[in-house]
Amino acid sequence: MNRKIAALGVTLPALLALSAPPASAAENPAATASASAKGDGTQTAMVKRDIGCRYRANDPGHLTAGSKTVWATVQITGCTPTPPDKCHLTIHLANPVYNVAHKDDGWKSCKKKTLKVKYKCADVVSKREFVTVGTLAMVYRGVHNSHTFTSRHVTLFCR
């Protein structure tokens, strides 16, 4: 168990470096930290008061029973009535040792969207642990905020 935690610690700093650091309250009193909003894993991040988006990372899984393909998705489930100017969404499908799939959506207008990646199991190991890791960065009139978020760790069979 300790090896899994240590190996995951090797993966996450690289993911955190992909996004800009969040605006601190000292630099921008209107910026707020991300907080859980719902029991379904949806979180909210604000760039300024009343300007931000809701988002979540869904648990990785197979679309059909017996499939060798693992799918992972992250979603922007909605934005405030005045959305941020631009959003940057990324997704990683990871196991405790390394990232197995990645997709970068780039800087685009903020709106509802789903970003998904797939990984076809090709290993001899039949049972593996996966986690969906997403990053969301937002900009509104030069003020920025970002957050890295994850799904639950899920153990799946890859036969």
Protein backbone atom coordinates (compact mmCIF):
# COMPACT_ATOMS: atom_id res chain seq x y z
CA MET A 1 0.00 0.00 0.00
CA ASN A 2 2.80 2.43 0.88
CA ARG A 3 4.46 1.74 -2.48
CA LYS A 4 1.21 2.67 -4.27
CA ILE A 5 0.95 5.94 -2.36
CA ALA A 6 4.61 6.77 -3.00
CA ALA A 7 4.27 5.95 -6.70
CA LEU A 8 1.19 8.15 -7.03
CA GLY A 9 3.16 10.98 -5.41
CA VAL A 10 5.59 10.73 -8.32
CA THR A 11 2.73 11.19 -10.83
CA LEU A 12 0.75 14.07 -9.29
CA PRO A 13 3.44 16.82 -9.16
CA ALA A 14 3.79 16.55 -12.95
CA LEU A 15 0.03 17.02 -13.30
CA LEU A 16 -0.03 20.01 -10.99
CA ALA A 17 2.71 21.69 -13.02
CA LEU A 18 0.44 21.69 -16.10
CA SER A 19 -1.80 24.41 -14.69
CA ALA A 20 -1.12 27.89 -13.43
CA PRO A 21 -1.14 28.39 -9.66
CA PRO A 22 -4.47 29.56 -8.27
CA ALA A 23 -4.92 33.22 -7.45
CA SER A 24 -4.46 33.69 -3.73
CA ALA A 25 -6.78 35.68 -1.55
CA ALA A 26 -3.91 38.08 -0.77
CA GLU A 27 -3.45 38.90 -4.49
CA ASN A 28 -7.16 38.93 -5.30
CA PRO A 29 -9.69 39.21 -2.47
CA ALA A 30 -12.52 38.22 -4.84
CA ALA A 31 -10.93 34.83 -5.67
CA THR A 32 -12.22 31.86 -3.72
CA ALA A 33 -10.91 28.33 -3.32
CA SER A 34 -12.61 25.33 -4.90
CA ALA A 35 -15.03 23.49 -2.65
CA SER A 36 -17.22 20.42 -2.95
CA ALA A 37 -20.73 21.42 -3.85
CA LYS A 38 -22.62 18.13 -4.26
CA GLY A 39 -22.47 14.51 -3.16
CA ASP A 40 -21.94 13.37 -6.79
CA GLY A 41 -18.39 14.77 -6.81
CA THR A 42 -19.24 18.05 -8.56
CA GLN A 43 -17.06 20.93 -7.39
CA THR A 44 -17.18 24.66 -8.02
CA ALA A 45 -14.29 27.01 -8.73
CA MET A 46 -14.65 30.78 -8.94
CA VAL A 47 -12.34 33.24 -10.67
CA LYS A 48 -14.14 36.22 -9.13
CA ARG A 49 -17.24 36.38 -7.02
CA ASP A 50 -20.15 34.90 -9.05
CA ILE A 51 -17.89 33.99 -12.02
CA GLY A 52 -16.79 30.37 -12.33
CA CYS A 53 -17.68 26.82 -13.35
CA ARG A 54 -18.90 23.52 -11.86
CA TYR A 55 -16.92 20.40 -12.81
CA ARG A 56 -16.25 16.79 -11.86
CA ALA A 57 -14.12 13.72 -12.64
CA ASN A 58 -16.12 10.54 -13.23
CA ASP A 59 -14.88 7.14 -12.06
CA PRO A 60 -13.04 5.16 -14.77
CA GLY A 61 -14.87 2.12 -16.11
CA HIS A 62 -15.68 -0.26 -18.94
CA LEU A 63 -18.59 0.52 -21.30
CA THR A 64 -19.52 -3.16 -21.63
CA ALA A 65 -18.88 -6.29 -19.57
CA GLY A 66 -15.75 -8.12 -20.67
CA SER A 67 -14.31 -5.07 -22.45
CA LYS A 68 -10.55 -4.48 -22.39
CA THR A 69 -10.98 -0.73 -22.88
CA VAL A 70 -11.09 1.56 -19.84
CA TRP A 71 -12.81 4.93 -20.34
CA ALA A 72 -12.41 8.05 -18.19
CA THR A 73 -14.28 11.37 -18.40
CA VAL A 74 -14.13 14.82 -16.84
CA GLN A 75 -16.94 17.31 -17.24
CA ILE A 76 -17.68 20.98 -16.94
CA THR A 77 -21.30 20.61 -15.82
CA GLY A 78 -22.10 24.31 -16.07
CA CYS A 79 -20.89 27.85 -15.57
CA THR A 80 -22.25 30.92 -13.83
CA PRO A 81 -24.51 33.27 -15.84
CA THR A 82 -21.41 35.38 -16.55
CA PRO A 83 -18.86 32.70 -17.48
CA PRO A 84 -15.07 33.11 -17.35
CA ASP A 85 -13.48 34.37 -20.59
CA LYS A 86 -11.58 31.13 -21.29
CA CYS A 87 -11.26 27.65 -19.77
CA HIS A 88 -8.54 25.02 -20.17
CA LEU A 89 -9.57 21.44 -19.38
CA THR A 90 -7.25 18.39 -19.32
CA ILE A 91 -7.75 14.74 -18.40
CA HIS A 92 -5.38 11.96 -17.36
CA LEU A 93 -6.25 8.32 -16.83
CA ALA A 94 -3.70 7.08 -14.32
CA ASN A 95 -2.82 4.02 -12.32
CA PRO A 96 -0.68 4.19 -9.17
CA VAL A 97 2.55 4.08 -11.17
CA TYR A 98 2.05 6.30 -14.26
CA ASN A 99 -0.41 8.04 -16.58
CA VAL A 100 -1.77 5.67 -19.21
CA ALA A 101 -3.82 8.16 -21.29
CA HIS A 102 -4.00 11.96 -21.61
CA LYS A 103 -6.00 14.57 -23.51
CA ASP A 104 -5.73 18.36 -23.51
CA ASP A 105 -8.69 20.45 -24.68
CA GLY A 106 -6.74 23.74 -24.92
CA TRP A 107 -8.04 27.21 -24.11
CA LYS A 108 -11.66 27.54 -25.25
CA SER A 109 -14.82 29.35 -24.25
CA CYS A 110 -16.35 28.14 -20.99
CA LYS A 111 -19.45 26.02 -21.47
CA LYS A 112 -20.76 22.55 -20.65
CA LYS A 113 -18.43 19.92 -22.07
CA THR A 114 -17.19 16.38 -21.55
CA LEU A 115 -13.61 15.35 -22.23
CA LYS A 116 -12.91 11.60 -22.46
CA VAL A 117 -9.94 9.29 -22.98
CA LYS A 118 -9.63 5.55 -23.46
CA TYR A 119 -6.97 3.00 -22.64
CA LYS A 120 -6.90 -0.52 -24.06
CA CYS A 121 -5.48 -2.94 -21.49
CA ALA A 122 -2.55 -4.80 -23.00
CA ASP A 123 -0.91 -6.00 -19.82
CA VAL A 124 -0.58 -9.46 -18.38
CA VAL A 125 -1.89 -8.13 -15.06
CA SER A 126 -5.63 -8.79 -14.99
CA LYS A 127 -6.63 -6.54 -12.08
CA ARG A 128 -5.50 -2.89 -11.89
CA GLU A 129 -6.34 0.31 -10.05
CA PHE A 130 -7.26 3.42 -12.06
CA VAL A 131 -8.13 7.04 -11.25
CA THR A 132 -9.34 9.94 -13.40
CA VAL A 133 -7.35 13.15 -12.85
CA GLY A 134 -8.52 16.44 -14.35
CA THR A 135 -7.31 20.03 -14.31
CA LEU A 136 -9.41 23.10 -14.97
CA ALA A 137 -7.89 26.56 -15.42
CA MET A 138 -10.04 29.67 -15.93
CA VAL A 139 -9.33 33.29 -16.85
CA TYR A 140 -11.62 36.29 -16.46
CA ARG A 141 -10.26 39.74 -17.39
CA GLY A 142 -6.69 38.78 -16.46
CA VAL A 143 -7.58 37.09 -13.16
CA HIS A 144 -6.99 33.33 -13.14
CA ASN A 145 -7.70 30.30 -10.99
CA SER A 146 -7.04 26.59 -11.46
CA HIS A 147 -7.76 23.32 -9.72
CA THR A 148 -6.64 19.68 -10.02
CA PHE A 149 -9.37 17.19 -9.14
CA THR A 150 -9.73 13.40 -9.10
CA SER A 151 -12.30 10.64 -9.13
CA ARG A 152 -12.31 7.76 -6.69
CA HIS A 153 -9.69 5.04 -7.15
CA VAL A 154 -11.37 2.11 -8.93
CA THR A 155 -10.08 -1.46 -9.29
CA LEU A 156 -10.94 -2.95 -12.70
CA PHE A 157 -10.30 -6.25 -14.44
CA CYS A 158 -8.42 -6.01 -17.77
CA ARG A 159 -8.92 -9.40 -19.40
